[in-house]
Amino acid sequence: MNTLETDKAALKEAIRKFSYRENHAEPFTLASGKKSPYYFDLKQTLLQPQFLALAGRVVAQTIAQHYKGDVVAAGLTMGADPIIYAACLAGVNPPNLIPAIVRKEAKDHGTGKKIEMLKGIDTATPCVMVDDVITTAGSTLKAFAAMCEAGFSVRHAVCILDRGEGGRDALKENGVELLSVFSAAEFKQA
């Protein structure tokens, strides 16, 4: 098994143990407002440093399969923040990941920025959207719109988990290919 396969297997076990819930009698309400008998609270896994580092390596390795050189890793705060930072610190080379955190709204103080990133990054630098869980891709598309408005080109999004509920298609309609580490179907009990 290569490093990516080994890391993915370990991350999958951690998600299964700490983040996955299934309840058909009382479905969960998702952030999108939809009801589902399947729930993934990835924060329960990602708030543990060893699993956050693991997720960062997996995301960085996934991006490295498609990019070399500098790449902006961007996502909507707060869900994407820890994953982006962990991926940037993972030491997977190439690529050289540059963090960009997109606020839901521009700050009403200081410089009033909507995107927090290193000053002077050339908009010709490829940009990849990052998120923990994608259901409808609403959060990812908000961050995508902000990065495009700032002049960046986005061809890919990476998520830890694709719930398989329309997010992939919504991203595709915007010219973005979803590279998911896992699908919800991989966790559902028989």
N, C-alpha and C. Protein backbone atom coordinates (compact mmCIF):
# COMPACT_ATOMS: atom_id res chain seq x y z
N MET A 1 0.84 -1.18 0.00
CA MET A 1 0.00 0.00 0.00
C MET A 1 0.89 1.25 0.00
N ASN A 2 0.54 2.25 -0.86
CA ASN A 2 1.33 3.48 -0.85
C ASN A 2 0.89 4.39 0.30
N THR A 3 1.58 5.49 0.49
CA THR A 3 1.30 6.39 1.61
C THR A 3 -0.12 6.92 1.57
N LEU A 4 -0.61 7.32 0.39
CA LEU A 4 -1.97 7.85 0.30
C LEU A 4 -2.98 6.78 0.70
N GLU A 5 -2.83 5.57 0.21
CA GLU A 5 -3.77 4.49 0.56
C GLU A 5 -3.73 4.19 2.06
N THR A 6 -2.54 4.17 2.63
CA THR A 6 -2.38 3.91 4.07
C THR A 6 -3.04 5.03 4.88
N ASP A 7 -2.77 6.28 4.51
CA ASP A 7 -3.35 7.43 5.21
C ASP A 7 -4.88 7.43 5.08
N LYS A 8 -5.38 7.13 3.89
CA LYS A 8 -6.83 7.10 3.69
C LYS A 8 -7.49 6.02 4.55
N ALA A 9 -6.88 4.86 4.63
CA ALA A 9 -7.44 3.77 5.44
C ALA A 9 -7.50 4.17 6.91
N ALA A 10 -6.44 4.81 7.42
CA ALA A 10 -6.42 5.25 8.81
C ALA A 10 -7.44 6.35 9.06
N LEU A 11 -7.56 7.29 8.13
CA LEU A 11 -8.54 8.37 8.28
C LEU A 11 -9.96 7.83 8.23
N LYS A 12 -10.21 6.89 7.36
CA LYS A 12 -11.55 6.29 7.25
C LYS A 12 -11.95 5.63 8.57
N GLU A 13 -11.03 4.91 9.18
CA GLU A 13 -11.32 4.26 10.47
C GLU A 13 -11.62 5.30 11.54
N ALA A 14 -10.86 6.39 11.57
CA ALA A 14 -11.09 7.45 12.55
C ALA A 14 -12.46 8.10 12.34
N ILE A 15 -12.82 8.36 11.09
CA ILE A 15 -14.14 8.95 10.79
C ILE A 15 -15.24 7.99 11.21
N ARG A 16 -15.09 6.72 10.89
CA ARG A 16 -16.09 5.73 11.28
C ARG A 16 -16.26 5.70 12.81
N LYS A 17 -15.15 5.78 13.53
CA LYS A 17 -15.19 5.69 14.99
C LYS A 17 -15.73 6.96 15.66
N PHE A 18 -15.30 8.13 15.18
CA PHE A 18 -15.61 9.37 15.89
C PHE A 18 -16.69 10.25 15.25
N SER A 19 -16.92 10.12 13.95
CA SER A 19 -17.74 11.11 13.26
C SER A 19 -19.01 10.59 12.62
N TYR A 20 -19.10 9.30 12.38
CA TYR A 20 -20.23 8.77 11.63
C TYR A 20 -21.35 8.31 12.56
N ARG A 21 -22.57 8.73 12.23
CA ARG A 21 -23.76 8.31 12.96
C ARG A 21 -24.82 7.91 11.94
N GLU A 22 -25.60 6.91 12.33
CA GLU A 22 -26.70 6.46 11.47
C GLU A 22 -27.91 6.23 12.36
N ASN A 23 -29.04 6.87 12.00
CA ASN A 23 -30.27 6.73 12.78
C ASN A 23 -31.46 6.86 11.84
N HIS A 24 -32.04 5.75 11.48
CA HIS A 24 -33.18 5.76 10.55
C HIS A 24 -34.47 6.15 11.25
N ALA A 25 -34.58 5.93 12.56
CA ALA A 25 -35.79 6.26 13.30
C ALA A 25 -35.96 7.76 13.46
N GLU A 26 -34.86 8.47 13.70
CA GLU A 26 -34.90 9.93 13.89
C GLU A 26 -33.83 10.56 13.02
N PRO A 27 -34.14 10.86 11.75
CA PRO A 27 -33.13 11.45 10.84
C PRO A 27 -32.57 12.76 11.37
N PHE A 28 -31.34 13.04 10.97
CA PHE A 28 -30.64 14.26 11.35
C PHE A 28 -30.99 15.38 10.40
N THR A 29 -31.01 16.62 10.89
CA THR A 29 -31.19 17.79 10.04
C THR A 29 -29.80 18.29 9.67
N LEU A 30 -29.53 18.38 8.37
CA LEU A 30 -28.23 18.81 7.87
C LEU A 30 -28.17 20.32 7.73
N ALA A 31 -26.99 20.87 7.53
CA ALA A 31 -26.82 22.32 7.35
C ALA A 31 -27.62 22.82 6.16
N SER A 32 -27.82 21.97 5.17
CA SER A 32 -28.59 22.35 3.98
C SER A 32 -30.09 22.39 4.26
N GLY A 33 -30.50 21.90 5.46
CA GLY A 33 -31.91 21.83 5.80
C GLY A 33 -32.53 20.48 5.48
N LYS A 34 -31.83 19.67 4.72
CA LYS A 34 -32.32 18.33 4.37
C LYS A 34 -32.26 17.43 5.60
N LYS A 35 -33.11 16.39 5.59
CA LYS A 35 -33.10 15.36 6.62
C LYS A 35 -32.37 14.14 6.07
N SER A 36 -31.60 13.47 6.93
CA SER A 36 -30.87 12.29 6.49
C SER A 36 -30.67 11.35 7.67
N PRO A 37 -30.77 10.03 7.42
CA PRO A 37 -30.47 9.07 8.49
C PRO A 37 -28.96 8.92 8.71
N TYR A 38 -28.15 9.56 7.87
CA TYR A 38 -26.70 9.46 7.94
C TYR A 38 -26.11 10.82 8.30
N TYR A 39 -25.24 10.84 9.30
CA TYR A 39 -24.66 12.10 9.74
C TYR A 39 -23.15 11.94 9.92
N PHE A 40 -22.41 12.91 9.44
CA PHE A 40 -20.96 12.93 9.56
C PHE A 40 -20.55 14.23 10.26
N ASP A 41 -20.17 14.13 11.50
CA ASP A 41 -19.68 15.28 12.25
C ASP A 41 -18.15 15.20 12.23
N LEU A 42 -17.55 15.66 11.12
CA LEU A 42 -16.11 15.49 10.95
C LEU A 42 -15.29 16.26 11.97
N LYS A 43 -15.89 17.27 12.59
CA LYS A 43 -15.14 18.01 13.61
C LYS A 43 -14.72 17.07 14.75
N GLN A 44 -15.53 16.05 15.03
CA GLN A 44 -15.19 15.10 16.09
C GLN A 44 -13.89 14.35 15.78
N THR A 45 -13.59 14.18 14.51
CA THR A 45 -12.33 13.56 14.10
C THR A 45 -11.25 14.62 13.94
N LEU A 46 -11.58 15.71 13.25
CA LEU A 46 -10.58 16.71 12.89
C LEU A 46 -10.11 17.58 14.05
N LEU A 47 -10.82 17.58 15.17
CA LEU A 47 -10.36 18.32 16.34
C LEU A 47 -9.31 17.55 17.12
N GLN A 48 -9.02 16.33 16.71
CA GLN A 48 -7.96 15.54 17.31
C GLN A 48 -6.71 15.73 16.46
N PRO A 49 -5.65 16.31 17.03
CA PRO A 49 -4.47 16.69 16.24
C PRO A 49 -3.92 15.60 15.32
N GLN A 50 -3.84 14.36 15.79
CA GLN A 50 -3.26 13.32 14.95
C GLN A 50 -4.13 13.03 13.72
N PHE A 51 -5.44 13.18 13.85
CA PHE A 51 -6.32 12.92 12.71
C PHE A 51 -6.42 14.13 11.80
N LEU A 52 -6.28 15.33 12.37
CA LEU A 52 -6.22 16.53 11.54
C LEU A 52 -4.96 16.49 10.67
N ALA A 53 -3.83 16.10 11.27
CA ALA A 53 -2.59 15.98 10.50
C ALA A 53 -2.75 14.94 9.39
N LEU A 54 -3.41 13.85 9.71
CA LEU A 54 -3.66 12.79 8.72
C LEU A 54 -4.53 13.32 7.59
N ALA A 55 -5.61 14.03 7.92
CA ALA A 55 -6.48 14.61 6.90
C ALA A 55 -5.71 15.60 6.04
N GLY A 56 -4.84 16.39 6.66
CA GLY A 56 -4.02 17.34 5.90
C GLY A 56 -3.13 16.65 4.89
N ARG A 57 -2.51 15.54 5.31
CA ARG A 57 -1.67 14.78 4.37
C ARG A 57 -2.49 14.22 3.22
N VAL A 58 -3.66 13.69 3.54
CA VAL A 58 -4.52 13.10 2.49
C VAL A 58 -4.94 14.18 1.49
N VAL A 59 -5.36 15.33 1.99
CA VAL A 59 -5.79 16.42 1.09
C VAL A 59 -4.60 16.90 0.26
N ALA A 60 -3.44 17.09 0.89
CA ALA A 60 -2.25 17.54 0.15
C ALA A 60 -1.84 16.52 -0.91
N GLN A 61 -1.90 15.24 -0.57
CA GLN A 61 -1.55 14.20 -1.54
C GLN A 61 -2.56 14.15 -2.69
N THR A 62 -3.82 14.38 -2.38
CA THR A 62 -4.85 14.41 -3.43
C THR A 62 -4.60 15.57 -4.38
N ILE A 63 -4.29 16.74 -3.84
CA ILE A 63 -3.99 17.90 -4.68
C ILE A 63 -2.72 17.64 -5.50
N ALA A 64 -1.73 17.00 -4.89
CA ALA A 64 -0.46 16.72 -5.58
C ALA A 64 -0.64 15.80 -6.79
N GLN A 65 -1.71 15.03 -6.83
CA GLN A 65 -1.98 14.18 -7.98
C GLN A 65 -2.38 15.00 -9.21
N HIS A 66 -2.73 16.27 -9.01
CA HIS A 66 -3.23 17.11 -10.10
C HIS A 66 -2.42 18.38 -10.34
N TYR A 67 -1.58 18.77 -9.37
CA TYR A 67 -0.87 20.05 -9.48
C TYR A 67 0.58 19.93 -9.04
N LYS A 68 1.42 20.76 -9.62
CA LYS A 68 2.81 20.93 -9.23
C LYS A 68 3.02 22.42 -8.98
N GLY A 69 4.05 22.79 -8.25
CA GLY A 69 4.33 24.21 -8.02
C GLY A 69 3.38 24.81 -7.00
N ASP A 70 3.20 26.13 -7.09
CA ASP A 70 2.32 26.85 -6.16
C ASP A 70 0.86 26.59 -6.49
N VAL A 71 0.06 26.37 -5.43
CA VAL A 71 -1.39 26.18 -5.55
C VAL A 71 -2.04 26.85 -4.36
N VAL A 72 -3.05 27.66 -4.61
CA VAL A 72 -3.83 28.27 -3.53
C VAL A 72 -4.87 27.25 -3.08
N ALA A 73 -4.90 26.96 -1.79
CA ALA A 73 -5.91 26.09 -1.18
C ALA A 73 -6.88 27.00 -0.46
N ALA A 74 -8.11 27.10 -0.97
CA ALA A 74 -9.08 28.07 -0.45
C ALA A 74 -10.35 27.38 0.01
N GLY A 75 -10.99 27.98 1.00
CA GLY A 75 -12.26 27.45 1.47
C GLY A 75 -12.95 28.42 2.39
N LEU A 76 -14.23 28.16 2.60
CA LEU A 76 -15.05 29.03 3.44
C LEU A 76 -14.76 28.76 4.92
N THR A 77 -14.53 29.85 5.66
CA THR A 77 -14.31 29.71 7.10
C THR A 77 -15.61 29.25 7.75
N MET A 78 -15.59 28.44 8.64
CA MET A 78 -14.65 27.85 9.53
C MET A 78 -14.40 26.39 9.18
N GLY A 79 -15.29 25.76 8.46
CA GLY A 79 -15.14 24.34 8.16
C GLY A 79 -13.86 23.99 7.45
N ALA A 80 -13.44 24.82 6.52
CA ALA A 80 -12.26 24.51 5.71
C ALA A 80 -10.95 24.90 6.39
N ASP A 81 -10.99 25.83 7.32
CA ASP A 81 -9.76 26.38 7.92
C ASP A 81 -8.77 25.32 8.41
N PRO A 82 -9.18 24.44 9.32
CA PRO A 82 -8.19 23.50 9.84
C PRO A 82 -7.63 22.57 8.78
N ILE A 83 -8.45 22.16 7.83
CA ILE A 83 -7.98 21.25 6.78
C ILE A 83 -6.97 21.94 5.89
N ILE A 84 -7.25 23.19 5.54
CA ILE A 84 -6.31 23.95 4.70
C ILE A 84 -4.97 24.12 5.41
N TYR A 85 -5.01 24.52 6.67
CA TYR A 85 -3.76 24.71 7.40
C TYR A 85 -2.99 23.39 7.54
N ALA A 86 -3.71 22.32 7.84
CA ALA A 86 -3.05 21.01 7.98
C ALA A 86 -2.45 20.56 6.66
N ALA A 87 -3.16 20.80 5.56
CA ALA A 87 -2.64 20.42 4.24
C ALA A 87 -1.39 21.23 3.91
N CYS A 88 -1.40 22.52 4.25
CA CYS A 88 -0.24 23.37 3.99
C CYS A 88 0.97 22.94 4.81
N LEU A 89 0.74 22.41 5.99
CA LEU A 89 1.81 21.99 6.89
C LEU A 89 2.24 20.54 6.68
N ALA A 90 1.54 19.82 5.82
CA ALA A 90 1.75 18.37 5.67
C ALA A 90 3.11 18.00 5.12
N GLY A 91 3.77 18.91 4.44
CA GLY A 91 5.08 18.60 3.90
C GLY A 91 5.06 17.73 2.67
N VAL A 92 3.90 17.65 2.00
CA VAL A 92 3.81 16.91 0.75
C VAL A 92 4.31 17.83 -0.35
N ASN A 93 5.31 17.38 -1.09
CA ASN A 93 5.91 18.26 -2.09
C ASN A 93 6.15 17.48 -3.37
N PRO A 94 5.73 17.95 -4.55
CA PRO A 94 4.91 19.12 -4.71
C PRO A 94 3.47 18.83 -4.28
N PRO A 95 2.60 19.78 -4.23
CA PRO A 95 2.76 21.19 -4.54
C PRO A 95 3.13 22.01 -3.31
N ASN A 96 3.32 23.31 -3.54
CA ASN A 96 3.51 24.27 -2.45
C ASN A 96 2.16 24.91 -2.22
N LEU A 97 1.47 24.50 -1.15
CA LEU A 97 0.12 25.00 -0.89
C LEU A 97 0.17 26.34 -0.16
N ILE A 98 -0.67 27.26 -0.63
CA ILE A 98 -0.77 28.60 -0.08
C ILE A 98 -2.19 28.76 0.46
N PRO A 99 -2.37 29.03 1.76
CA PRO A 99 -3.71 29.11 2.31
C PRO A 99 -4.46 30.38 1.92
N ALA A 100 -5.76 30.21 1.71
CA ALA A 100 -6.67 31.34 1.50
C ALA A 100 -7.97 31.01 2.21
N ILE A 101 -8.36 31.84 3.14
CA ILE A 101 -9.58 31.61 3.90
C ILE A 101 -10.60 32.66 3.49
N VAL A 102 -11.78 32.19 3.09
CA VAL A 102 -12.83 33.07 2.60
C VAL A 102 -13.86 33.27 3.70
N ARG A 103 -14.12 34.53 4.02
CA ARG A 103 -15.15 34.85 5.02
C ARG A 103 -16.52 34.81 4.37
N LYS A 104 -17.54 34.56 5.18
CA LYS A 104 -18.91 34.56 4.65
C LYS A 104 -19.28 35.96 4.18
N GLU A 105 -18.76 36.97 4.88
CA GLU A 105 -18.97 38.37 4.50
C GLU A 105 -17.67 39.13 4.75
N ALA A 106 -17.48 40.18 3.99
CA ALA A 106 -16.29 41.01 4.18
C ALA A 106 -16.31 41.60 5.60
N LYS A 107 -15.12 41.74 6.19
CA LYS A 107 -15.02 42.33 7.52
C LYS A 107 -15.54 43.77 7.47
N ASP A 108 -16.16 44.21 8.57
CA ASP A 108 -16.62 45.59 8.64
C ASP A 108 -15.63 46.48 9.39
N HIS A 109 -14.41 45.97 9.56
CA HIS A 109 -13.36 46.74 10.24
C HIS A 109 -12.02 46.44 9.57
N GLY A 110 -11.01 47.14 10.01
CA GLY A 110 -9.67 46.93 9.44
C GLY A 110 -9.67 47.19 7.94
N THR A 111 -9.14 46.25 7.19
CA THR A 111 -9.05 46.40 5.74
C THR A 111 -10.31 45.96 5.02
N GLY A 112 -11.27 45.38 5.74
CA GLY A 112 -12.54 44.98 5.13
C GLY A 112 -12.42 43.82 4.15
N LYS A 113 -11.42 42.98 4.34
CA LYS A 113 -11.19 41.89 3.40
C LYS A 113 -12.21 40.77 3.54
N LYS A 114 -12.56 40.18 2.41
CA LYS A 114 -13.39 38.97 2.40
C LYS A 114 -12.52 37.73 2.34
N ILE A 115 -11.33 37.86 1.75
CA ILE A 115 -10.41 36.73 1.61
C ILE A 115 -9.13 37.04 2.38
N GLU A 116 -8.78 36.13 3.29
CA GLU A 116 -7.52 36.25 4.02
C GLU A 116 -6.51 35.35 3.32
N MET A 117 -5.47 35.94 2.78
CA MET A 117 -4.41 35.17 2.14
C MET A 117 -3.14 35.99 2.10
N LEU A 118 -2.08 35.34 1.71
CA LEU A 118 -0.80 36.03 1.64
C LEU A 118 -0.86 37.16 0.62
N LYS A 119 -0.30 38.28 0.99
CA LYS A 119 -0.28 39.44 0.11
C LYS A 119 0.60 39.16 -1.11
N GLY A 120 0.14 39.58 -2.25
CA GLY A 120 0.95 39.51 -3.46
C GLY A 120 0.87 38.19 -4.22
N ILE A 121 -0.07 37.32 -3.90
CA ILE A 121 -0.19 36.06 -4.65
C ILE A 121 -0.78 36.39 -6.02
N ASP A 122 -0.09 35.95 -7.05
CA ASP A 122 -0.51 36.17 -8.44
C ASP A 122 -1.80 35.40 -8.72
N THR A 123 -2.78 36.08 -9.31
CA THR A 123 -4.05 35.42 -9.61
C THR A 123 -3.91 34.35 -10.70
N ALA A 124 -2.76 34.26 -11.34
CA ALA A 124 -2.50 33.18 -12.29
C ALA A 124 -2.17 31.87 -11.56
N THR A 125 -1.95 31.93 -10.25
CA THR A 125 -1.69 30.73 -9.45
C THR A 125 -2.95 29.88 -9.41
N PRO A 126 -2.85 28.59 -9.73
CA PRO A 126 -4.04 27.74 -9.66
C PRO A 126 -4.64 27.74 -8.26
N CYS A 127 -5.95 27.58 -8.20
CA CYS A 127 -6.67 27.59 -6.93
C CYS A 127 -7.53 26.33 -6.84
N VAL A 128 -7.48 25.67 -5.69
CA VAL A 128 -8.29 24.49 -5.41
C VAL A 128 -9.16 24.80 -4.20
N MET A 129 -10.45 24.52 -4.31
CA MET A 129 -11.35 24.72 -3.18
C MET A 129 -11.22 23.52 -2.25
N VAL A 130 -11.33 23.75 -0.93
CA VAL A 130 -11.20 22.69 0.07
C VAL A 130 -12.38 22.78 1.03
N ASP A 131 -12.94 21.63 1.40
CA ASP A 131 -14.02 21.59 2.39
C ASP A 131 -13.98 20.25 3.11
N ASP A 132 -14.66 20.18 4.25
CA ASP A 132 -14.69 18.92 4.98
C ASP A 132 -15.76 18.01 4.38
N VAL A 133 -17.01 18.44 4.41
CA VAL A 133 -18.13 17.65 3.88
C VAL A 133 -18.85 18.45 2.82
N ILE A 134 -19.19 17.81 1.71
CA ILE A 134 -19.99 18.46 0.67
C ILE A 134 -21.31 17.73 0.53
N THR A 135 -22.38 18.47 0.70
CA THR A 135 -23.73 17.94 0.49
C THR A 135 -24.27 18.57 -0.79
N THR A 136 -24.64 19.84 -0.71
CA THR A 136 -25.13 20.56 -1.89
C THR A 136 -24.04 21.44 -2.50
N ALA A 137 -22.91 21.57 -1.82
CA ALA A 137 -21.76 22.39 -2.21
C ALA A 137 -22.02 23.88 -2.02
N GLY A 138 -23.03 24.24 -1.24
CA GLY A 138 -23.35 25.65 -1.02
C GLY A 138 -22.18 26.45 -0.47
N SER A 139 -21.52 25.95 0.58
CA SER A 139 -20.39 26.65 1.18
C SER A 139 -19.22 26.73 0.21
N THR A 140 -18.95 25.63 -0.46
CA THR A 140 -17.83 25.60 -1.40
C THR A 140 -18.07 26.57 -2.55
N LEU A 141 -19.31 26.65 -3.02
CA LEU A 141 -19.63 27.56 -4.12
C LEU A 141 -19.55 29.03 -3.70
N LYS A 142 -19.85 29.34 -2.43
CA LYS A 142 -19.68 30.71 -1.94
C LYS A 142 -18.20 31.10 -1.98
N ALA A 143 -17.36 30.20 -1.49
CA ALA A 143 -15.92 30.46 -1.51
C ALA A 143 -15.41 30.52 -2.94
N PHE A 144 -15.90 29.64 -3.78
CA PHE A 144 -15.54 29.61 -5.21
C PHE A 144 -15.85 30.95 -5.87
N ALA A 145 -17.05 31.47 -5.61
CA ALA A 145 -17.46 32.75 -6.21
C ALA A 145 -16.53 33.88 -5.76
N ALA A 146 -16.16 33.88 -4.48
CA ALA A 146 -15.27 34.93 -3.97
C ALA A 146 -13.89 34.84 -4.61
N MET A 147 -13.38 33.61 -4.77
CA MET A 147 -12.05 33.45 -5.38
C MET A 147 -12.08 33.84 -6.86
N CYS A 148 -13.15 33.48 -7.55
CA CYS A 148 -13.28 33.88 -8.96
C CYS A 148 -13.39 35.40 -9.09
N GLU A 149 -14.16 36.01 -8.19
CA GLU A 149 -14.30 37.47 -8.18
C GLU A 149 -12.96 38.15 -7.95
N ALA A 150 -12.09 37.49 -7.17
CA ALA A 150 -10.75 38.03 -6.89
C ALA A 150 -9.79 37.78 -8.06
N GLY A 151 -10.25 37.03 -9.09
CA GLY A 151 -9.44 36.83 -10.28
C GLY A 151 -8.79 35.47 -10.42
N PHE A 152 -9.05 34.55 -9.48
CA PHE A 152 -8.45 33.23 -9.55
C PHE A 152 -9.28 32.28 -10.41
N SER A 153 -8.60 31.31 -10.99
CA SER A 153 -9.24 30.26 -11.78
C SER A 153 -9.28 28.99 -10.93
N VAL A 154 -10.45 28.37 -10.86
CA VAL A 154 -10.64 27.18 -10.04
C VAL A 154 -11.13 26.03 -10.91
N ARG A 155 -10.37 24.93 -10.93
CA ARG A 155 -10.79 23.75 -11.71
C ARG A 155 -11.17 22.57 -10.84
N HIS A 156 -10.70 22.56 -9.59
CA HIS A 156 -10.95 21.42 -8.70
C HIS A 156 -11.39 21.86 -7.31
N ALA A 157 -12.15 20.98 -6.67
CA ALA A 157 -12.48 21.10 -5.25
C ALA A 157 -12.12 19.77 -4.62
N VAL A 158 -11.60 19.82 -3.40
CA VAL A 158 -11.26 18.61 -2.65
C VAL A 158 -12.06 18.62 -1.36
N CYS A 159 -12.69 17.50 -1.05
CA CYS A 159 -13.39 17.38 0.22
C CYS A 159 -13.03 16.04 0.86
N ILE A 160 -13.15 15.98 2.16
CA ILE A 160 -12.93 14.73 2.86
C ILE A 160 -14.08 13.78 2.55
N LEU A 161 -15.33 14.30 2.55
CA LEU A 161 -16.48 13.43 2.36
C LEU A 161 -17.51 14.06 1.42
N ASP A 162 -17.88 13.34 0.39
CA ASP A 162 -18.96 13.73 -0.51
C ASP A 162 -20.19 12.93 -0.10
N ARG A 163 -21.22 13.64 0.38
CA ARG A 163 -22.45 12.96 0.81
C ARG A 163 -23.23 12.39 -0.39
N GLY A 164 -22.88 12.81 -1.61
CA GLY A 164 -23.57 12.28 -2.78
C GLY A 164 -24.99 12.81 -2.92
N GLU A 165 -25.20 14.07 -2.54
CA GLU A 165 -26.54 14.65 -2.58
C GLU A 165 -26.59 15.92 -3.42
N GLY A 166 -25.90 15.89 -4.55
CA GLY A 166 -26.00 16.99 -5.50
C GLY A 166 -24.83 17.94 -5.56
N GLY A 167 -23.94 17.91 -4.59
CA GLY A 167 -22.81 18.83 -4.57
C GLY A 167 -21.88 18.66 -5.74
N ARG A 168 -21.59 17.42 -6.10
CA ARG A 168 -20.70 17.14 -7.24
C ARG A 168 -21.25 17.77 -8.52
N ASP A 169 -22.55 17.60 -8.74
CA ASP A 169 -23.18 18.16 -9.94
C ASP A 169 -23.20 19.69 -9.92
N ALA A 170 -23.46 20.26 -8.74
CA ALA A 170 -23.48 21.73 -8.62
C ALA A 170 -22.10 22.31 -8.93
N LEU A 171 -21.06 21.64 -8.47
CA LEU A 171 -19.71 22.10 -8.77
C LEU A 171 -19.41 21.93 -10.26
N LYS A 172 -19.81 20.80 -10.82
CA LYS A 172 -19.57 20.53 -12.24
C LYS A 172 -20.22 21.59 -13.12
N GLU A 173 -21.43 22.03 -12.73
CA GLU A 173 -22.13 23.09 -13.48
C GLU A 173 -21.32 24.39 -13.50
N ASN A 174 -20.42 24.54 -12.54
CA ASN A 174 -19.57 25.73 -12.47
C ASN A 174 -18.15 25.45 -12.98
N GLY A 175 -17.98 24.31 -13.66
CA GLY A 175 -16.69 23.98 -14.25
C GLY A 175 -15.66 23.46 -13.28
N VAL A 176 -16.12 22.96 -12.11
CA VAL A 176 -15.23 22.48 -11.06
C VAL A 176 -15.42 20.98 -10.88
N GLU A 177 -14.31 20.23 -10.94
CA GLU A 177 -14.34 18.79 -10.71
C GLU A 177 -14.12 18.52 -9.23
N LEU A 178 -14.98 17.69 -8.64
CA LEU A 178 -14.85 17.34 -7.22
C LEU A 178 -13.94 16.13 -7.08
N LEU A 179 -12.92 16.27 -6.24
CA LEU A 179 -12.02 15.19 -5.89
C LEU A 179 -12.31 14.84 -4.43
N SER A 180 -13.17 13.86 -4.20
CA SER A 180 -13.53 13.52 -2.82
C SER A 180 -12.66 12.37 -2.32
N VAL A 181 -12.25 12.47 -1.07
CA VAL A 181 -11.46 11.42 -0.45
C VAL A 181 -12.35 10.20 -0.20
N PHE A 182 -13.57 10.44 0.32
CA PHE A 182 -14.53 9.37 0.60
C PHE A 182 -15.91 9.78 0.12
N SER A 183 -16.75 8.80 -0.09
CA SER A 183 -18.17 9.04 -0.35
C SER A 183 -18.95 8.51 0.85
N ALA A 184 -20.12 9.07 1.09
CA ALA A 184 -20.96 8.62 2.21
C ALA A 184 -21.30 7.14 2.08
N ALA A 185 -21.47 6.68 0.85
CA ALA A 185 -21.84 5.28 0.62
C ALA A 185 -20.80 4.32 1.20
N GLU A 186 -19.56 4.75 1.31
CA GLU A 186 -18.51 3.88 1.86
C GLU A 186 -18.70 3.60 3.36
N PHE A 187 -19.53 4.40 4.02
CA PHE A 187 -19.72 4.27 5.47
C PHE A 187 -21.05 3.66 5.83
N LYS A 188 -22.05 3.76 4.98
CA LYS A 188 -23.39 3.31 5.31
C LYS A 188 -23.41 1.82 5.65
N GLN A 189 -24.11 1.51 6.73
CA GLN A 189 -24.19 0.11 7.17
C GLN A 189 -25.16 -0.65 6.29
N ALA A 190 -24.85 -1.91 6.08
CA ALA A 190 -25.70 -2.75 5.23
C ALA A 190 -26.98 -3.12 5.93
